[in-house]
Structures are given as structure tokens and as C-alpha cells.
Amino acid sequence: MAQIIIATHGGLSKGMLDSLHMVAGGAADGIETYSLEFGQNPNDYYEELRERIAATEEQFIIMCDIKGGSVHNALFRLTELPNVVIFSGLTMGMALEIALTAREGLDADAAHRVLDAAREGVTVAFGGAPVEEEEDEDF
């Protein structure tokens, strides 16, 4: 069973997990959060996680809020361990895909499907144009 962690600046991780519970129900159970608060050092969490991860063969799937941010930079160093997968650019689509499909872990193909799901959910629309009904394939 894979360990899933949402790691962000501030309370975003807790809010994302709360939203996941609303949409995915029990599929979000067991997901851990890490919220970097003012005055904390993400390297402390890196050290704690490194010990946990090195002591097991379980895969750790970590979703970070922003590529190049302090949380991502600290935790990205965990990829020196073979049982770590790090995502950046957290979206609800990414979190849902992982919660629903990655409980047993991810291989490279599954990880790319997660990225595809996240990208498909990012769109833009400008006001002033006629509104066309979008088909909602999933719900």
C-alpha cells in the first residue's frame, strides 16, 4: 500500500484533503498532510520523512503545491530514495486521480496518467462569448 502525502505552504494541504473527502469519500482516508507554517523549516520535515521512507519498501507519493517552492525543494531531495514519487503543481484533479487509483502505488505510466488528468482539469474561459454547454463525462 502506498503512503500518500499532500505537502504545501500554509493550510492548503488540509483544505485539499477536506475537499477530497467531500468528492471521493473514503478514498481520501489515510492521506497525510504537511502544512509549512511561518517560522518552520521544511528541511525538518524532510529529515523526518527520510527516516520513515528509508525504513520501508512502501512507495511514498508526495504532492507539492508549487514547483521550486521551499516545500517542493526540500522534499524533492527524497527522490534519492527509490520508493518516492514527487509531484508538483497540485490540483484537485491530480489529488483525485492519486486518491482513486494509486493506493497500490504508481509506475511511470500511471504517474503520467496522473499528470494528464491534472492538465485536463486546467482550463480558461473569457467572458463575453456565447456560452456553450460542456459535456460532463465523469458525473
N, C-alpha and C. Protein backbone atom coordinates (compact mmCIF):
# COMPACT_ATOMS: atom_id res chain seq x y z
N MET A 1 0.84 -1.18 0.00
CA MET A 1 0.00 0.00 0.00
C MET A 1 0.89 1.24 0.00
N ALA A 2 0.59 2.18 -0.86
CA ALA A 2 1.36 3.41 -0.96
C ALA A 2 0.92 4.40 0.12
N GLN A 3 1.89 5.17 0.59
CA GLN A 3 1.62 6.27 1.51
C GLN A 3 1.48 7.53 0.66
N ILE A 4 0.41 8.27 0.85
CA ILE A 4 0.14 9.47 0.07
C ILE A 4 0.20 10.68 0.99
N ILE A 5 0.95 11.70 0.55
CA ILE A 5 1.12 12.92 1.34
C ILE A 5 0.85 14.13 0.47
N ILE A 6 0.07 15.07 1.00
CA ILE A 6 -0.12 16.37 0.37
C ILE A 6 0.69 17.36 1.19
N ALA A 7 1.67 18.01 0.56
CA ALA A 7 2.59 18.91 1.27
C ALA A 7 2.55 20.29 0.64
N THR A 8 2.19 21.30 1.43
CA THR A 8 2.00 22.64 0.89
C THR A 8 2.46 23.72 1.86
N HIS A 9 2.45 24.93 1.36
CA HIS A 9 2.62 26.11 2.20
C HIS A 9 1.28 26.40 2.87
N GLY A 10 1.31 26.72 4.15
CA GLY A 10 0.09 27.07 4.87
C GLY A 10 -0.92 25.93 4.89
N GLY A 11 -2.18 26.28 5.03
CA GLY A 11 -3.24 25.29 5.21
C GLY A 11 -3.80 24.68 3.94
N LEU A 12 -3.18 24.92 2.80
CA LEU A 12 -3.70 24.38 1.54
C LEU A 12 -3.83 22.87 1.58
N SER A 13 -2.87 22.19 2.17
CA SER A 13 -2.92 20.72 2.19
C SER A 13 -4.14 20.22 2.95
N LYS A 14 -4.44 20.85 4.07
CA LYS A 14 -5.60 20.45 4.87
C LYS A 14 -6.90 20.75 4.12
N GLY A 15 -6.95 21.89 3.44
CA GLY A 15 -8.13 22.22 2.65
C GLY A 15 -8.32 21.28 1.49
N MET A 16 -7.23 20.90 0.83
CA MET A 16 -7.31 19.95 -0.28
C MET A 16 -7.83 18.60 0.20
N LEU A 17 -7.32 18.15 1.35
CA LEU A 17 -7.77 16.87 1.88
C LEU A 17 -9.25 16.94 2.27
N ASP A 18 -9.68 18.04 2.83
CA ASP A 18 -11.09 18.23 3.17
C ASP A 18 -11.95 18.13 1.92
N SER A 19 -11.52 18.79 0.84
CA SER A 19 -12.26 18.73 -0.42
C SER A 19 -12.25 17.33 -1.01
N LEU A 20 -11.12 16.64 -0.90
CA LEU A 20 -11.04 15.26 -1.38
C LEU A 20 -12.05 14.38 -0.66
N HIS A 21 -12.18 14.55 0.65
CA HIS A 21 -13.16 13.77 1.40
C HIS A 21 -14.58 14.04 0.90
N MET A 22 -14.88 15.31 0.54
CA MET A 22 -16.21 15.64 0.03
C MET A 22 -16.50 14.94 -1.29
N VAL A 23 -15.50 14.90 -2.16
CA VAL A 23 -15.70 14.37 -3.51
C VAL A 23 -15.46 12.87 -3.58
N ALA A 24 -14.42 12.39 -2.92
CA ALA A 24 -14.02 10.99 -3.06
C ALA A 24 -14.37 10.13 -1.86
N GLY A 25 -14.92 10.71 -0.83
CA GLY A 25 -15.31 9.94 0.35
C GLY A 25 -14.15 9.19 0.97
N GLY A 26 -14.36 7.92 1.23
CA GLY A 26 -13.37 7.08 1.89
C GLY A 26 -12.08 6.89 1.12
N ALA A 27 -12.08 7.20 -0.18
CA ALA A 27 -10.84 7.07 -0.96
C ALA A 27 -9.77 8.03 -0.46
N ALA A 28 -10.19 9.07 0.27
CA ALA A 28 -9.23 10.03 0.80
C ALA A 28 -8.73 9.65 2.19
N ASP A 29 -9.28 8.61 2.77
CA ASP A 29 -8.85 8.19 4.11
C ASP A 29 -7.38 7.79 4.09
N GLY A 30 -6.68 8.16 5.13
CA GLY A 30 -5.29 7.77 5.27
C GLY A 30 -4.30 8.68 4.57
N ILE A 31 -4.77 9.66 3.83
CA ILE A 31 -3.85 10.59 3.18
C ILE A 31 -3.34 11.55 4.25
N GLU A 32 -2.05 11.73 4.28
CA GLU A 32 -1.39 12.58 5.26
C GLU A 32 -1.20 13.98 4.68
N THR A 33 -1.20 14.98 5.54
CA THR A 33 -0.92 16.35 5.09
C THR A 33 0.29 16.91 5.82
N TYR A 34 0.97 17.82 5.14
CA TYR A 34 2.03 18.60 5.75
C TYR A 34 1.81 20.04 5.35
N SER A 35 1.71 20.91 6.35
CA SER A 35 1.49 22.33 6.12
C SER A 35 2.66 23.12 6.69
N LEU A 36 3.45 23.71 5.81
CA LEU A 36 4.56 24.55 6.26
C LEU A 36 4.00 25.87 6.76
N GLU A 37 4.20 26.15 8.03
CA GLU A 37 3.73 27.39 8.64
C GLU A 37 4.89 28.35 8.81
N PHE A 38 4.58 29.64 9.02
CA PHE A 38 5.61 30.65 9.23
C PHE A 38 6.53 30.22 10.37
N GLY A 39 7.82 30.38 10.14
CA GLY A 39 8.81 30.06 11.16
C GLY A 39 9.29 28.62 11.13
N GLN A 40 8.61 27.76 10.37
CA GLN A 40 9.04 26.37 10.26
C GLN A 40 10.04 26.22 9.12
N ASN A 41 10.81 25.17 9.19
CA ASN A 41 11.80 24.87 8.16
C ASN A 41 11.40 23.55 7.49
N PRO A 42 11.16 23.56 6.18
CA PRO A 42 10.75 22.32 5.52
C PRO A 42 11.81 21.24 5.57
N ASN A 43 13.05 21.60 5.82
CA ASN A 43 14.10 20.58 5.94
C ASN A 43 13.90 19.69 7.15
N ASP A 44 13.24 20.20 8.18
CA ASP A 44 12.93 19.37 9.34
C ASP A 44 11.97 18.24 8.94
N TYR A 45 10.97 18.58 8.14
CA TYR A 45 10.02 17.56 7.67
C TYR A 45 10.73 16.59 6.73
N TYR A 46 11.62 17.10 5.89
CA TYR A 46 12.42 16.24 5.01
C TYR A 46 13.17 15.20 5.83
N GLU A 47 13.83 15.62 6.89
CA GLU A 47 14.60 14.70 7.73
C GLU A 47 13.70 13.63 8.34
N GLU A 48 12.54 14.06 8.85
CA GLU A 48 11.58 13.13 9.45
C GLU A 48 11.10 12.11 8.42
N LEU A 49 10.72 12.61 7.24
CA LEU A 49 10.23 11.71 6.18
C LEU A 49 11.33 10.78 5.68
N ARG A 50 12.52 11.29 5.54
CA ARG A 50 13.62 10.48 5.04
C ARG A 50 13.82 9.25 5.91
N GLU A 51 13.76 9.43 7.21
CA GLU A 51 13.90 8.30 8.13
C GLU A 51 12.78 7.29 7.93
N ARG A 52 11.54 7.78 7.84
CA ARG A 52 10.39 6.88 7.64
C ARG A 52 10.49 6.12 6.34
N ILE A 53 10.83 6.84 5.27
CA ILE A 53 10.85 6.23 3.94
C ILE A 53 11.99 5.22 3.82
N ALA A 54 13.15 5.54 4.36
CA ALA A 54 14.30 4.65 4.27
C ALA A 54 14.07 3.35 5.04
N ALA A 55 13.15 3.37 6.00
CA ALA A 55 12.90 2.20 6.83
C ALA A 55 11.87 1.24 6.25
N THR A 56 11.36 1.54 5.05
CA THR A 56 10.32 0.70 4.45
C THR A 56 10.52 0.58 2.95
N GLU A 57 9.84 -0.39 2.37
CA GLU A 57 9.83 -0.52 0.92
C GLU A 57 8.56 0.05 0.31
N GLU A 58 7.63 0.50 1.18
CA GLU A 58 6.40 1.10 0.68
C GLU A 58 6.72 2.32 -0.16
N GLN A 59 5.91 2.53 -1.18
CA GLN A 59 6.09 3.72 -2.01
C GLN A 59 5.43 4.91 -1.32
N PHE A 60 6.10 6.06 -1.38
CA PHE A 60 5.57 7.32 -0.87
C PHE A 60 5.29 8.21 -2.07
N ILE A 61 4.04 8.64 -2.19
CA ILE A 61 3.61 9.54 -3.26
C ILE A 61 3.34 10.89 -2.60
N ILE A 62 4.11 11.88 -3.01
CA ILE A 62 4.03 13.19 -2.38
C ILE A 62 3.60 14.22 -3.42
N MET A 63 2.54 14.96 -3.11
CA MET A 63 2.06 16.03 -3.97
C MET A 63 2.40 17.36 -3.31
N CYS A 64 3.15 18.21 -4.02
CA CYS A 64 3.53 19.52 -3.51
C CYS A 64 2.78 20.61 -4.27
N ASP A 65 2.63 21.75 -3.61
CA ASP A 65 1.83 22.81 -4.22
C ASP A 65 2.52 23.51 -5.38
N ILE A 66 3.79 23.83 -5.26
CA ILE A 66 4.41 24.63 -6.30
C ILE A 66 5.84 24.17 -6.57
N LYS A 67 6.14 23.92 -7.82
CA LYS A 67 7.49 23.54 -8.22
C LYS A 67 8.45 24.68 -7.90
N GLY A 68 9.54 24.33 -7.25
CA GLY A 68 10.54 25.33 -6.92
C GLY A 68 10.29 26.05 -5.62
N GLY A 69 9.16 25.79 -4.98
CA GLY A 69 8.88 26.37 -3.67
C GLY A 69 9.69 25.65 -2.60
N SER A 70 9.74 26.23 -1.42
CA SER A 70 10.57 25.66 -0.36
C SER A 70 10.14 24.25 0.03
N VAL A 71 8.84 23.97 0.03
CA VAL A 71 8.36 22.63 0.37
C VAL A 71 8.82 21.64 -0.70
N HIS A 72 8.59 21.97 -1.95
CA HIS A 72 8.99 21.10 -3.05
C HIS A 72 10.50 20.90 -3.06
N ASN A 73 11.26 21.97 -2.93
CA ASN A 73 12.72 21.85 -2.98
C ASN A 73 13.25 20.94 -1.88
N ALA A 74 12.71 21.07 -0.66
CA ALA A 74 13.17 20.23 0.44
C ALA A 74 12.79 18.77 0.20
N LEU A 75 11.55 18.53 -0.18
CA LEU A 75 11.07 17.15 -0.31
C LEU A 75 11.55 16.48 -1.60
N PHE A 76 11.87 17.28 -2.61
CA PHE A 76 12.37 16.70 -3.86
C PHE A 76 13.65 15.89 -3.63
N ARG A 77 14.41 16.28 -2.63
CA ARG A 77 15.64 15.54 -2.32
C ARG A 77 15.35 14.09 -1.93
N LEU A 78 14.12 13.80 -1.55
CA LEU A 78 13.73 12.42 -1.21
C LEU A 78 13.78 11.49 -2.42
N THR A 79 13.82 12.06 -3.62
CA THR A 79 13.87 11.20 -4.81
C THR A 79 15.19 10.46 -4.92
N GLU A 80 16.12 10.71 -4.02
CA GLU A 80 17.33 9.89 -3.95
C GLU A 80 16.98 8.47 -3.49
N LEU A 81 15.81 8.31 -2.88
CA LEU A 81 15.33 7.00 -2.45
C LEU A 81 14.45 6.41 -3.55
N PRO A 82 14.55 5.11 -3.80
CA PRO A 82 13.85 4.51 -4.94
C PRO A 82 12.33 4.39 -4.77
N ASN A 83 11.82 4.55 -3.57
CA ASN A 83 10.39 4.35 -3.33
C ASN A 83 9.63 5.67 -3.13
N VAL A 84 10.11 6.72 -3.80
CA VAL A 84 9.49 8.05 -3.69
C VAL A 84 9.08 8.55 -5.07
N VAL A 85 7.87 9.12 -5.13
CA VAL A 85 7.38 9.81 -6.32
C VAL A 85 6.93 11.19 -5.86
N ILE A 86 7.44 12.25 -6.49
CA ILE A 86 7.09 13.62 -6.12
C ILE A 86 6.39 14.30 -7.29
N PHE A 87 5.23 14.86 -7.01
CA PHE A 87 4.50 15.67 -7.99
C PHE A 87 4.55 17.13 -7.51
N SER A 88 4.56 18.05 -8.45
CA SER A 88 4.42 19.47 -8.11
C SER A 88 3.26 20.03 -8.91
N GLY A 89 2.78 21.20 -8.50
CA GLY A 89 1.66 21.83 -9.19
C GLY A 89 0.33 21.21 -8.80
N LEU A 90 0.14 20.97 -7.53
CA LEU A 90 -1.04 20.31 -7.00
C LEU A 90 -2.34 20.89 -7.56
N THR A 91 -3.20 20.02 -8.05
CA THR A 91 -4.56 20.39 -8.45
C THR A 91 -5.51 19.37 -7.85
N MET A 92 -6.78 19.72 -7.82
CA MET A 92 -7.78 18.77 -7.33
C MET A 92 -7.83 17.55 -8.24
N GLY A 93 -7.68 17.76 -9.55
CA GLY A 93 -7.67 16.62 -10.48
C GLY A 93 -6.54 15.66 -10.18
N MET A 94 -5.37 16.20 -9.89
CA MET A 94 -4.22 15.36 -9.53
C MET A 94 -4.50 14.59 -8.25
N ALA A 95 -4.98 15.30 -7.24
CA ALA A 95 -5.24 14.66 -5.95
C ALA A 95 -6.31 13.58 -6.06
N LEU A 96 -7.35 13.85 -6.83
CA LEU A 96 -8.41 12.85 -7.04
C LEU A 96 -7.87 11.61 -7.75
N GLU A 97 -7.12 11.83 -8.81
CA GLU A 97 -6.58 10.70 -9.57
C GLU A 97 -5.70 9.83 -8.68
N ILE A 98 -4.88 10.45 -7.86
CA ILE A 98 -4.00 9.68 -6.97
C ILE A 98 -4.82 8.97 -5.91
N ALA A 99 -5.76 9.67 -5.29
CA ALA A 99 -6.58 9.06 -4.24
C ALA A 99 -7.37 7.86 -4.76
N LEU A 100 -7.86 7.97 -6.00
CA LEU A 100 -8.72 6.93 -6.55
C LEU A 100 -7.98 5.78 -7.22
N THR A 101 -6.75 6.03 -7.68
CA THR A 101 -6.09 4.99 -8.49
C THR A 101 -4.72 4.56 -8.00
N ALA A 102 -4.14 5.24 -7.04
CA ALA A 102 -2.73 4.98 -6.72
C ALA A 102 -2.50 4.34 -5.35
N ARG A 103 -3.52 3.79 -4.75
CA ARG A 103 -3.37 3.21 -3.41
C ARG A 103 -2.36 2.07 -3.36
N GLU A 104 -2.19 1.38 -4.46
CA GLU A 104 -1.22 0.29 -4.52
C GLU A 104 0.12 0.74 -5.08
N GLY A 105 0.24 2.03 -5.37
CA GLY A 105 1.49 2.57 -5.89
C GLY A 105 1.36 3.01 -7.33
N LEU A 106 2.42 3.64 -7.82
CA LEU A 106 2.46 4.16 -9.18
C LEU A 106 3.70 3.67 -9.89
N ASP A 107 3.53 3.32 -11.17
CA ASP A 107 4.69 3.13 -12.04
C ASP A 107 4.74 4.36 -12.94
N ALA A 108 5.70 4.41 -13.84
CA ALA A 108 5.89 5.60 -14.67
C ALA A 108 4.65 5.89 -15.53
N ASP A 109 4.03 4.86 -16.11
CA ASP A 109 2.85 5.08 -16.95
C ASP A 109 1.69 5.65 -16.14
N ALA A 110 1.47 5.11 -14.95
CA ALA A 110 0.39 5.61 -14.09
C ALA A 110 0.67 7.04 -13.65
N ALA A 111 1.92 7.36 -13.38
CA ALA A 111 2.28 8.72 -12.99
C ALA A 111 1.98 9.71 -14.11
N HIS A 112 2.22 9.30 -15.34
CA HIS A 112 1.91 10.17 -16.48
C HIS A 112 0.40 10.33 -16.67
N ARG A 113 -0.36 9.31 -16.33
CA ARG A 113 -1.83 9.43 -16.39
C ARG A 113 -2.31 10.44 -15.34
N VAL A 114 -1.66 10.46 -14.19
CA VAL A 114 -1.99 11.44 -13.16
C VAL A 114 -1.73 12.86 -13.69
N LEU A 115 -0.58 13.05 -14.33
CA LEU A 115 -0.28 14.37 -14.91
C LEU A 115 -1.29 14.75 -15.98
N ASP A 116 -1.67 13.80 -16.82
CA ASP A 116 -2.67 14.08 -17.85
C ASP A 116 -3.99 14.50 -17.24
N ALA A 117 -4.41 13.81 -16.18
CA ALA A 117 -5.67 14.17 -15.51
C ALA A 117 -5.59 15.56 -14.92
N ALA A 118 -4.46 15.91 -14.34
CA ALA A 118 -4.29 17.25 -13.77
C ALA A 118 -4.34 18.31 -14.87
N ARG A 119 -3.66 18.06 -15.98
CA ARG A 119 -3.63 19.04 -17.08
C ARG A 119 -5.01 19.22 -17.71
N GLU A 120 -5.76 18.14 -17.84
CA GLU A 120 -7.09 18.23 -18.45
C GLU A 120 -8.03 19.11 -17.64
N GLY A 121 -7.78 19.19 -16.33
CA GLY A 121 -8.65 19.98 -15.47
C GLY A 121 -8.30 21.45 -15.43
N VAL A 122 -7.22 21.85 -16.08
CA VAL A 122 -6.81 23.25 -16.08
C VAL A 122 -7.26 23.87 -17.39
N THR A 123 -8.20 24.81 -17.29
CA THR A 123 -8.74 25.47 -18.49
C THR A 123 -8.89 26.97 -18.21
N VAL A 124 -9.27 27.69 -19.24
CA VAL A 124 -9.57 29.11 -19.10
C VAL A 124 -10.76 29.43 -20.00
N ALA A 125 -11.59 30.36 -19.55
CA ALA A 125 -12.72 30.83 -20.35
C ALA A 125 -12.82 32.33 -20.15
N PHE A 126 -13.06 33.07 -21.25
CA PHE A 126 -13.23 34.52 -21.18
C PHE A 126 -14.70 34.86 -21.28
N GLY A 127 -15.11 35.84 -20.52
CA GLY A 127 -16.49 36.30 -20.57
C GLY A 127 -16.78 37.06 -21.85
N GLY A 128 -18.06 37.19 -22.17
CA GLY A 128 -18.49 37.96 -23.33
C GLY A 128 -18.77 37.12 -24.56
N ALA A 129 -18.42 35.86 -24.54
CA ALA A 129 -18.69 34.97 -25.67
C ALA A 129 -19.92 34.13 -25.34
N PRO A 130 -20.63 33.66 -26.37
CA PRO A 130 -21.77 32.79 -26.11
C PRO A 130 -21.33 31.56 -25.30
N VAL A 131 -22.14 31.17 -24.38
CA VAL A 131 -21.81 30.03 -23.52
C VAL A 131 -22.30 28.75 -24.18
N GLU A 132 -21.37 27.85 -24.39
CA GLU A 132 -21.72 26.53 -24.91
C GLU A 132 -21.74 25.56 -23.76
N GLU A 133 -22.72 24.68 -23.76
CA GLU A 133 -22.82 23.67 -22.72
C GLU A 133 -21.65 22.70 -22.85
N GLU A 134 -20.97 22.44 -21.74
CA GLU A 134 -19.92 21.45 -21.74
C GLU A 134 -20.50 20.11 -21.33
N GLU A 135 -20.06 19.06 -21.99
CA GLU A 135 -20.47 17.72 -21.58
C GLU A 135 -19.67 17.32 -20.38
N ASP A 136 -20.33 16.78 -19.40
CA ASP A 136 -19.67 16.33 -18.19
C ASP A 136 -19.61 14.81 -18.24
N GLU A 137 -18.46 14.31 -18.68
CA GLU A 137 -18.32 12.88 -18.92
C GLU A 137 -18.26 12.05 -17.63
N ASP A 138 -17.75 12.65 -16.55
CA ASP A 138 -17.48 11.87 -15.35
C ASP A 138 -18.63 11.85 -14.34
N PHE A 139 -19.51 12.85 -14.41
CA PHE A 139 -20.53 12.91 -13.36
C PHE A 139 -21.91 12.91 -13.93
